[in-house]
PDB file of all heavy atoms in Angstrom:
ATOM      1  N   SER A   1       0.824  -1.227   0.001  1.00  0.00           N
ATOM      2  CA  SER A   1      -0.012  -0.004   0.008  1.00  0.00           C
ATOM      3  C   SER A   1       0.844   1.286  -0.011  1.00  0.00           C
ATOM      4  O   SER A   1       0.265   2.302  -0.266  1.00  0.00           O
ATOM      5  CB  SER A   1      -0.967  -0.002   1.275  1.00  0.00           C
ATOM      6  OG  SER A   1      -0.186  -0.054   2.413  1.00  0.00           O
ATOM      7  N   VAL A   2       2.030   1.160   0.355  1.00  0.00           N
ATOM      8  CA  VAL A   2       2.941   2.337   0.404  1.00  0.00           C
ATOM      9  C   VAL A   2       4.164   2.301  -0.569  1.00  0.00           C
ATOM     10  O   VAL A   2       4.907   3.339  -0.592  1.00  0.00           O
ATOM     11  CB  VAL A   2       3.519   2.569   1.881  1.00  0.00           C
ATOM     12  CG1 VAL A   2       2.404   2.644   2.851  1.00  0.00           C
ATOM     13  CG2 VAL A   2       4.529   1.495   2.253  1.00  0.00           C
ATOM     14  N   LYS A   3       4.259   1.273  -1.276  1.00  0.00           N
ATOM     15  CA  LYS A   3       5.478   1.135  -2.187  1.00  0.00           C
ATOM     16  C   LYS A   3       5.438   2.252  -3.234  1.00  0.00           C
ATOM     17  O   LYS A   3       4.325   2.648  -3.795  1.00  0.00           O
ATOM     18  CB  LYS A   3       5.452  -0.173  -2.953  1.00  0.00           C
ATOM     19  CG  LYS A   3       6.004  -1.350  -2.098  1.00  0.00           C
ATOM     20  CD  LYS A   3       6.039  -2.627  -2.960  1.00  0.00           C
ATOM     21  CE  LYS A   3       6.636  -3.718  -2.141  1.00  0.00           C
ATOM     22  NZ  LYS A   3       6.689  -4.994  -2.936  1.00  0.00           N
ATOM     23  N   GLY A   4       6.521   2.954  -3.452  1.00  0.00           N
ATOM     24  CA  GLY A   4       6.584   3.945  -4.421  1.00  0.00           C
ATOM     25  C   GLY A   4       6.280   5.358  -3.849  1.00  0.00           C
ATOM     26  O   GLY A   4       6.464   6.356  -4.473  1.00  0.00           O
ATOM     27  N   ARG A   5       5.766   5.342  -2.637  1.00  0.00           N
ATOM     28  CA  ARG A   5       5.418   6.547  -1.874  1.00  0.00           C
ATOM     29  C   ARG A   5       6.210   6.912  -0.659  1.00  0.00           C
ATOM     30  O   ARG A   5       6.553   8.068  -0.382  1.00  0.00           O
ATOM     31  CB  ARG A   5       3.916   6.763  -1.648  1.00  0.00           C
ATOM     32  CG  ARG A   5       2.978   6.518  -2.713  1.00  0.00           C
ATOM     33  CD  ARG A   5       1.511   6.750  -2.346  1.00  0.00           C
ATOM     34  NE  ARG A   5       1.042   5.764  -1.474  1.00  0.00           N
ATOM     35  CZ  ARG A   5       0.591   6.029  -0.187  1.00  0.00           C
ATOM     36  NH1 ARG A   5       0.586   7.266   0.213  1.00  0.00           N
ATOM     37  NH2 ARG A   5       0.208   5.029   0.576  1.00  0.00           N
ATOM     38  N   PHE A   6       6.551   5.800   0.061  1.00  0.00           N
ATOM     39  CA  PHE A   6       7.283   5.879   1.291  1.00  0.00           C
ATOM     40  C   PHE A   6       8.711   5.380   1.139  1.00  0.00           C
ATOM     41  O   PHE A   6       8.982   4.503   0.300  1.00  0.00           O
ATOM     42  CB  PHE A   6       6.579   5.178   2.530  1.00  0.00           C
ATOM     43  CG  PHE A   6       5.261   5.630   2.972  1.00  0.00           C
ATOM     44  CD1 PHE A   6       4.564   6.629   2.199  1.00  0.00           C
ATOM     45  CD2 PHE A   6       4.689   5.039   4.073  1.00  0.00           C
ATOM     46  CE1 PHE A   6       3.328   7.120   2.645  1.00  0.00           C
ATOM     47  CE2 PHE A   6       3.498   5.466   4.538  1.00  0.00           C
ATOM     48  CZ  PHE A   6       2.808   6.498   3.798  1.00  0.00           C
ATOM     49  N   THR A   7       9.602   5.939   1.854  1.00  0.00           N
ATOM     50  CA  THR A   7      11.055   5.596   1.919  1.00  0.00           C
ATOM     51  C   THR A   7      11.580   5.515   3.216  1.00  0.00           C
ATOM     52  O   THR A   7      11.446   6.515   4.012  1.00  0.00           O
ATOM     53  CB  THR A   7      11.987   6.544   1.040  1.00  0.00           C
ATOM     54  OG1 THR A   7      11.367   6.618  -0.300  1.00  0.00           O
ATOM     55  CG2 THR A   7      13.337   6.095   0.982  1.00  0.00           C
ATOM     56  N   VAL A   8      12.140   4.406   3.693  1.00  0.00           N
ATOM     57  CA  VAL A   8      12.678   4.387   5.001  1.00  0.00           C
ATOM     58  C   VAL A   8      14.202   4.377   4.867  1.00  0.00           C
ATOM     59  O   VAL A   8      14.764   3.834   3.991  1.00  0.00           O
ATOM     60  CB  VAL A   8      12.304   3.002   5.688  1.00  0.00           C
ATOM     61  CG1 VAL A   8      12.723   1.791   4.940  1.00  0.00           C
ATOM     62  CG2 VAL A   8      12.857   2.868   7.104  1.00  0.00           C
ATOM     63  N   SER A   9      14.847   5.078   5.860  1.00  0.00           N
ATOM     64  CA  SER A   9      16.277   5.199   5.924  1.00  0.00           C
ATOM     65  C   SER A   9      16.760   5.270   7.231  1.00  0.00           C
ATOM     66  O   SER A   9      16.008   5.434   8.135  1.00  0.00           O
ATOM     67  CB  SER A   9      16.708   6.373   4.944  1.00  0.00           C
ATOM     68  OG  SER A   9      16.228   7.647   5.568  1.00  0.00           O
ATOM     69  N   ARG A  10      18.025   5.204   7.423  1.00  0.00           N
ATOM     70  CA  ARG A  10      18.623   5.307   8.766  1.00  0.00           C
ATOM     71  C   ARG A  10      19.969   6.092   8.765  1.00  0.00           C
ATOM     72  O   ARG A  10      20.675   6.069   7.804  1.00  0.00           O
ATOM     73  CB  ARG A  10      18.910   3.773   9.359  1.00  0.00           C
ATOM     74  CG  ARG A  10      19.873   3.045   8.650  1.00  0.00           C
ATOM     75  CD  ARG A  10      19.965   1.596   9.183  1.00  0.00           C
ATOM     76  NE  ARG A  10      20.356   1.593  10.556  1.00  0.00           N
ATOM     77  CZ  ARG A  10      20.090   0.577  11.367  1.00  0.00           C
ATOM     78  NH1 ARG A  10      19.447  -0.509  10.868  1.00  0.00           N
ATOM     79  NH2 ARG A  10      20.417   0.561  12.493  1.00  0.00           N
ATOM     80  N   ASP A  11      20.204   6.751   9.858  1.00  0.00           N
ATOM     81  CA  ASP A  11      21.380   7.502  10.114  1.00  0.00           C
ATOM     82  C   ASP A  11      22.013   6.993  11.335  1.00  0.00           C
ATOM     83  O   ASP A  11      21.646   7.468  12.426  1.00  0.00           O
ATOM     84  CB  ASP A  11      21.086   9.044  10.070  1.00  0.00           C
ATOM     85  CG  ASP A  11      22.303   9.814  10.109  1.00  0.00           C
ATOM     86  OD1 ASP A  11      23.393   9.363  10.495  1.00  0.00           O
ATOM     87  OD2 ASP A  11      22.259  11.029   9.738  1.00  0.00           O
ATOM     88  N   ASN A  12      22.983   6.131  11.252  1.00  0.00           N
ATOM     89  CA  ASN A  12      23.474   5.468  12.426  1.00  0.00           C
ATOM     90  C   ASN A  12      24.211   6.486  13.413  1.00  0.00           C
ATOM     91  O   ASN A  12      24.018   6.424  14.570  1.00  0.00           O
ATOM     92  CB  ASN A  12      24.455   4.345  11.994  1.00  0.00           C
ATOM     93  CG  ASN A  12      23.680   3.223  11.421  1.00  0.00           C
ATOM     94  OD1 ASN A  12      22.484   3.024  11.674  1.00  0.00           O
ATOM     95  ND2 ASN A  12      24.439   2.384  10.622  1.00  0.00           N
ATOM     96  N   PRO A  13      25.129   7.442  12.909  1.00  0.00           N
ATOM     97  CA  PRO A  13      25.694   8.327  13.834  1.00  0.00           C
ATOM     98  C   PRO A  13      24.574   9.120  14.606  1.00  0.00           C
ATOM     99  O   PRO A  13      25.026   9.603  15.818  1.00  0.00           O
ATOM    100  CB  PRO A  13      26.541   9.245  13.050  1.00  0.00           C
ATOM    101  CG  PRO A  13      26.754   8.388  11.630  1.00  0.00           C
ATOM    102  CD  PRO A  13      25.580   7.590  11.522  1.00  0.00           C
ATOM    103  N   LYS A  14      23.401   9.346  14.096  1.00  0.00           N
ATOM    104  CA  LYS A  14      22.484  10.084  14.757  1.00  0.00           C
ATOM    105  C   LYS A  14      21.457   9.234  15.497  1.00  0.00           C
ATOM    106  O   LYS A  14      20.483   9.646  16.164  1.00  0.00           O
ATOM    107  CB  LYS A  14      21.657  10.982  13.787  1.00  0.00           C
ATOM    108  CG  LYS A  14      22.434  12.091  13.235  1.00  0.00           C
ATOM    109  CD  LYS A  14      21.643  12.938  12.282  1.00  0.00           C
ATOM    110  CE  LYS A  14      22.474  14.066  11.625  1.00  0.00           C
ATOM    111  NZ  LYS A  14      21.715  14.887  10.753  1.00  0.00           N
ATOM    112  N   ASN A  15      21.639   7.929  15.495  1.00  0.00           N
ATOM    113  CA  ASN A  15      20.732   6.962  16.171  1.00  0.00           C
ATOM    114  C   ASN A  15      19.265   7.168  15.799  1.00  0.00           C
ATOM    115  O   ASN A  15      18.373   7.120  16.605  1.00  0.00           O
ATOM    116  CB  ASN A  15      20.879   6.973  17.646  1.00  0.00           C
ATOM    117  CG  ASN A  15      22.101   6.148  18.211  1.00  0.00           C
ATOM    118  OD1 ASN A  15      23.041   5.899  17.531  1.00  0.00           O
ATOM    119  ND2 ASN A  15      21.850   5.630  19.447  1.00  0.00           N
ATOM    120  N   THR A  16      19.116   7.272  14.460  1.00  0.00           N
ATOM    121  CA  THR A  16      17.675   7.753  14.037  1.00  0.00           C
ATOM    122  C   THR A  16      17.343   6.951  12.801  1.00  0.00           C
ATOM    123  O   THR A  16      18.161   6.769  11.875  1.00  0.00           O
ATOM    124  CB  THR A  16      17.631   9.366  13.819  1.00  0.00           C
ATOM    125  OG1 THR A  16      17.992  10.103  14.955  1.00  0.00           O
ATOM    126  CG2 THR A  16      16.323   9.720  13.274  1.00  0.00           C
ATOM    127  N   VAL A  17      16.121   6.547  12.763  1.00  0.00           N
ATOM    128  CA  VAL A  17      15.441   5.969  11.510  1.00  0.00           C
ATOM    129  C   VAL A  17      14.422   6.956  11.050  1.00  0.00           C
ATOM    130  O   VAL A  17      13.693   7.571  11.857  1.00  0.00           O
ATOM    131  CB  VAL A  17      14.919   4.625  11.752  1.00  0.00           C
ATOM    132  CG1 VAL A  17      13.785   4.517  12.813  1.00  0.00           C
ATOM    133  CG2 VAL A  17      14.469   3.968  10.400  1.00  0.00           C
ATOM    134  N   TYR A  18      14.318   7.055   9.718  1.00  0.00           N
ATOM    135  CA  TYR A  18      13.269   8.001   9.140  1.00  0.00           C
ATOM    136  C   TYR A  18      12.313   7.280   8.254  1.00  0.00           C
ATOM    137  O   TYR A  18      12.641   6.165   7.750  1.00  0.00           O
ATOM    138  CB  TYR A  18      13.970   9.050   8.248  1.00  0.00           C
ATOM    139  CG  TYR A  18      15.108   9.820   8.961  1.00  0.00           C
ATOM    140  CD1 TYR A  18      16.467   9.510   8.845  1.00  0.00           C
ATOM    141  CD2 TYR A  18      14.696  10.918   9.757  1.00  0.00           C
ATOM    142  CE1 TYR A  18      17.420  10.213   9.537  1.00  0.00           C
ATOM    143  CE2 TYR A  18      15.708  11.667  10.314  1.00  0.00           C
ATOM    144  CZ  TYR A  18      17.010  11.313  10.250  1.00  0.00           C
ATOM    145  OH  TYR A  18      18.009  12.110  10.885  1.00  0.00           O
ATOM    146  N   LEU A  19      11.152   7.902   8.128  1.00  0.00           N
ATOM    147  CA  LEU A  19      10.133   7.446   7.174  1.00  0.00           C
ATOM    148  C   LEU A  19       9.653   8.604   6.424  1.00  0.00           C
ATOM    149  O   LEU A  19       8.929   9.465   6.871  1.00  0.00           O
ATOM    150  CB  LEU A  19       8.987   6.665   7.839  1.00  0.00           C
ATOM    151  CG  LEU A  19       7.949   6.117   6.904  1.00  0.00           C
ATOM    152  CD1 LEU A  19       8.522   4.955   6.133  1.00  0.00           C
ATOM    153  CD2 LEU A  19       6.712   5.657   7.648  1.00  0.00           C
ATOM    154  N   GLN A  20      10.175   8.762   5.224  1.00  0.00           N
ATOM    155  CA  GLN A  20       9.733   9.814   4.270  1.00  0.00           C
ATOM    156  C   GLN A  20       8.441   9.368   3.601  1.00  0.00           C
ATOM    157  O   GLN A  20       8.436   8.387   2.889  1.00  0.00           O
ATOM    158  CB  GLN A  20      10.763  10.241   3.240  1.00  0.00           C
ATOM    159  CG  GLN A  20      10.328  11.168   2.195  1.00  0.00           C
ATOM    160  CD  GLN A  20      10.229  12.565   2.900  1.00  0.00           C
ATOM    161  OE1 GLN A  20      11.127  13.016   3.707  1.00  0.00           O
ATOM    162  NE2 GLN A  20       9.146  13.195   2.614  1.00  0.00           N
ATOM    163  N   MET A  21       7.406  10.123   3.712  1.00  0.00           N
ATOM    164  CA  MET A  21       6.081   9.763   3.211  1.00  0.00           C
ATOM    165  C   MET A  21       5.639  10.898   2.212  1.00  0.00           C
ATOM    166  O   MET A  21       5.456  12.035   2.573  1.00  0.00           O
ATOM    167  CB  MET A  21       5.024   9.676   4.316  1.00  0.00           C
ATOM    168  CG  MET A  21       5.425   8.757   5.513  1.00  0.00           C
ATOM    169  SD  MET A  21       4.117   8.498   6.738  1.00  0.00           S
ATOM    170  CE  MET A  21       4.078  10.196   7.379  1.00  0.00           C
ATOM    171  N   ASN A  22       5.451  10.431   1.023  1.00  0.00           N
ATOM    172  CA  ASN A  22       5.113  11.357  -0.065  1.00  0.00           C
ATOM    173  C   ASN A  22       3.749  10.796  -0.581  1.00  0.00           C
ATOM    174  O   ASN A  22       3.322   9.804  -0.466  1.00  0.00           O
ATOM    175  CB  ASN A  22       6.134  11.379  -1.164  1.00  0.00           C
ATOM    176  CG  ASN A  22       7.460  11.890  -0.698  1.00  0.00           C
ATOM    177  OD1 ASN A  22       7.531  12.761   0.149  1.00  0.00           O
ATOM    178  ND2 ASN A  22       8.551  11.300  -1.317  1.00  0.00           N
ATOM    179  N   SER A  23       3.060  11.799  -1.295  1.00  0.00           N
ATOM    180  CA  SER A  23       1.806  11.542  -1.965  1.00  0.00           C
ATOM    181  C   SER A  23       0.870  10.905  -0.908  1.00  0.00           C
ATOM    182  O   SER A  23       0.223   9.892  -1.252  1.00  0.00           O
ATOM    183  CB  SER A  23       2.059  10.498  -3.107  1.00  0.00           C
ATOM    184  OG  SER A  23       2.895  11.104  -4.134  1.00  0.00           O
ATOM    185  N   LEU A  24       0.702  11.557   0.198  1.00  0.00           N
ATOM    186  CA  LEU A  24      -0.129  10.971   1.250  1.00  0.00           C
ATOM    187  C   LEU A  24      -1.530  10.963   0.942  1.00  0.00           C
ATOM    188  O   LEU A  24      -2.123  11.755   0.159  1.00  0.00           O
ATOM    189  CB  LEU A  24       0.119  11.736   2.527  1.00  0.00           C
ATOM    190  CG  LEU A  24       1.439  11.467   3.247  1.00  0.00           C
ATOM    191  CD1 LEU A  24       1.685  12.553   4.254  1.00  0.00           C
ATOM    192  CD2 LEU A  24       1.338  10.042   3.998  1.00  0.00           C
ATOM    193  N   LYS A  25      -2.197   9.885   1.318  1.00  0.00           N
ATOM    194  CA  LYS A  25      -3.675   9.711   1.134  1.00  0.00           C
ATOM    195  C   LYS A  25      -4.394   9.612   2.433  1.00  0.00           C
ATOM    196  O   LYS A  25      -3.901   9.348   3.454  1.00  0.00           O
ATOM    197  CB  LYS A  25      -3.922   8.335   0.342  1.00  0.00           C
ATOM    198  CG  LYS A  25      -3.104   8.096  -0.839  1.00  0.00           C
ATOM    199  CD  LYS A  25      -3.207   6.698  -1.337  1.00  0.00           C
ATOM    200  CE  LYS A  25      -2.415   6.396  -2.622  1.00  0.00           C
ATOM    201  NZ  LYS A  25      -2.546   5.075  -3.116  1.00  0.00           N
ATOM    202  N   PRO A  26      -5.725   9.976   2.471  1.00  0.00           N
ATOM    203  CA  PRO A  26      -6.523   9.710   3.671  1.00  0.00           C
ATOM    204  C   PRO A  26      -6.445   8.376   4.269  1.00  0.00           C
ATOM    205  O   PRO A  26      -6.418   8.337   5.477  1.00  0.00           O
ATOM    206  CB  PRO A  26      -7.929  10.167   3.216  1.00  0.00           C
ATOM    207  CG  PRO A  26      -7.755  11.046   2.063  1.00  0.00           C
ATOM    208  CD  PRO A  26      -6.489  10.545   1.336  1.00  0.00           C
ATOM    209  N   ALA A  27      -6.189   7.474   3.487  1.00  0.00           N
ATOM    210  CA  ALA A  27      -6.036   6.010   4.123  1.00  0.00           C
ATOM    211  C   ALA A  27      -4.721   5.882   4.753  1.00  0.00           C
ATOM    212  O   ALA A  27      -4.605   4.890   5.573  1.00  0.00           O
ATOM    213  CB  ALA A  27      -6.116   5.046   2.767  1.00  0.00           C
ATOM    214  N   ASP A  28      -3.853   6.813   4.715  1.00  0.00           N
ATOM    215  CA  ASP A  28      -2.591   6.756   5.476  1.00  0.00           C
ATOM    216  C   ASP A  28      -2.728   7.270   6.864  1.00  0.00           C
ATOM    217  O   ASP A  28      -1.961   7.159   7.685  1.00  0.00           O
ATOM    218  CB  ASP A  28      -1.549   7.540   4.803  1.00  0.00           C
ATOM    219  CG  ASP A  28      -1.076   6.844   3.384  1.00  0.00           C
ATOM    220  OD1 ASP A  28      -1.006   5.760   3.250  1.00  0.00           O
ATOM    221  OD2 ASP A  28      -0.824   7.736   2.475  1.00  0.00           O
ATOM    222  N   THR A  29      -3.878   7.810   7.202  1.00  0.00           N
ATOM    223  CA  THR A  29      -4.225   8.340   8.557  1.00  0.00           C
ATOM    224  C   THR A  29      -4.102   7.246   9.553  1.00  0.00           C
ATOM    225  O   THR A  29      -4.847   6.213   9.449  1.00  0.00           O
ATOM    226  CB  THR A  29      -5.622   9.032   8.596  1.00  0.00           C
ATOM    227  OG1 THR A  29      -5.620  10.139   7.682  1.00  0.00           O
ATOM    228  CG2 THR A  29      -5.956   9.423   9.966  1.00  0.00           C
ATOM    229  N   ALA A  30      -3.236   7.402  10.575  1.00  0.00           N
ATOM    230  CA  ALA A  30      -3.026   6.314  11.570  1.00  0.00           C
ATOM    231  C   ALA A  30      -2.043   6.967  12.497  1.00  0.00           C
ATOM    232  O   ALA A  30      -1.418   7.908  12.340  1.00  0.00           O
ATOM    233  CB  ALA A  30      -2.559   5.069  10.944  1.00  0.00           C
ATOM    234  N   VAL A  31      -1.918   6.107  13.660  1.00  0.00           N
ATOM    235  CA  VAL A  31      -0.673   6.391  14.537  1.00  0.00           C
ATOM    236  C   VAL A  31       0.400   5.501  14.035  1.00  0.00           C
ATOM    237  O   VAL A  31       0.281   4.337  13.845  1.00  0.00           O
ATOM    238  CB  VAL A  31      -1.106   6.015  16.001  1.00  0.00           C
ATOM    239  CG1 VAL A  31       0.099   6.112  16.834  1.00  0.00           C
ATOM    240  CG2 VAL A  31      -2.274   6.813  16.424  1.00  0.00           C
ATOM    241  N   TYR A  32       1.527   6.100  13.858  1.00  0.00           N
ATOM    242  CA  TYR A  32       2.665   5.452  13.341  1.00  0.00           C
ATOM    243  C   TYR A  32       3.638   5.198  14.444  1.00  0.00           C
ATOM    244  O   TYR A  32       4.027   6.025  15.228  1.00  0.00           O
ATOM    245  CB  TYR A  32       3.357   6.312  12.271  1.00  0.00           C
ATOM    246  CG  TYR A  32       2.601   6.302  10.952  1.00  0.00           C
ATOM    247  CD1 TYR A  32       1.420   6.962  10.852  1.00  0.00           C
ATOM    248  CD2 TYR A  32       3.199   5.630   9.894  1.00  0.00           C
ATOM    249  CE1 TYR A  32       0.765   6.868   9.602  1.00  0.00           C
ATOM    250  CE2 TYR A  32       2.455   5.612   8.618  1.00  0.00           C
ATOM    251  CZ  TYR A  32       1.303   6.163   8.521  1.00  0.00           C
ATOM    252  OH  TYR A  32       0.629   6.205   7.297  1.00  0.00           O
ATOM    253  N   TYR A  33       4.149   3.853  14.480  1.00  0.00           N
ATOM    254  CA  TYR A  33       5.108   3.425  15.487  1.00  0.00           C
ATOM    255  C   TYR A  33       6.376   2.898  14.931  1.00  0.00           C
ATOM    256  O   TYR A  33       6.292   2.320  13.838  1.00  0.00           O
ATOM    257  CB  TYR A  33       4.474   2.267  16.261  1.00  0.00           C
ATOM    258  CG  TYR A  33       3.192   2.601  17.047  1.00  0.00           C
ATOM    259  CD1 TYR A  33       1.923   2.460  16.330  1.00  0.00           C
ATOM    260  CD2 TYR A  33       3.191   2.974  18.273  1.00  0.00           C
ATOM    261  CE1 TYR A  33       0.755   2.741  16.990  1.00  0.00           C
ATOM    262  CE2 TYR A  33       1.928   3.354  19.011  1.00  0.00           C
ATOM    263  CZ  TYR A  33       0.764   3.055  18.376  1.00  0.00           C
ATOM    264  OH  TYR A  33      -0.391   3.370  19.028  1.00  0.00           O
ATOM    265  N   CYS A  34       7.525   3.216  15.576  1.00  0.00           N
ATOM    266  CA  CYS A  34       8.694   2.606  15.151  1.00  0.00           C
ATOM    267  C   CYS A  34       9.028   1.438  16.012  1.00  0.00           C
ATOM    268  O   CYS A  34       8.528   1.377  17.220  1.00  0.00           O
ATOM    269  CB  CYS A  34       9.833   3.552  15.099  1.00  0.00           C
ATOM    270  SG  CYS A  34      10.333   4.284  16.603  1.00  0.00           S
TER     271      CYS A  34
END
């Protein structure tokens, strides 16, 4: 459902993982957890 729209990446020196979400749809409405 998110292929082509979302991108996950990580930055180890910053101890952080990201989720870039593009072309968002109302169906994407939710609580997001890592």
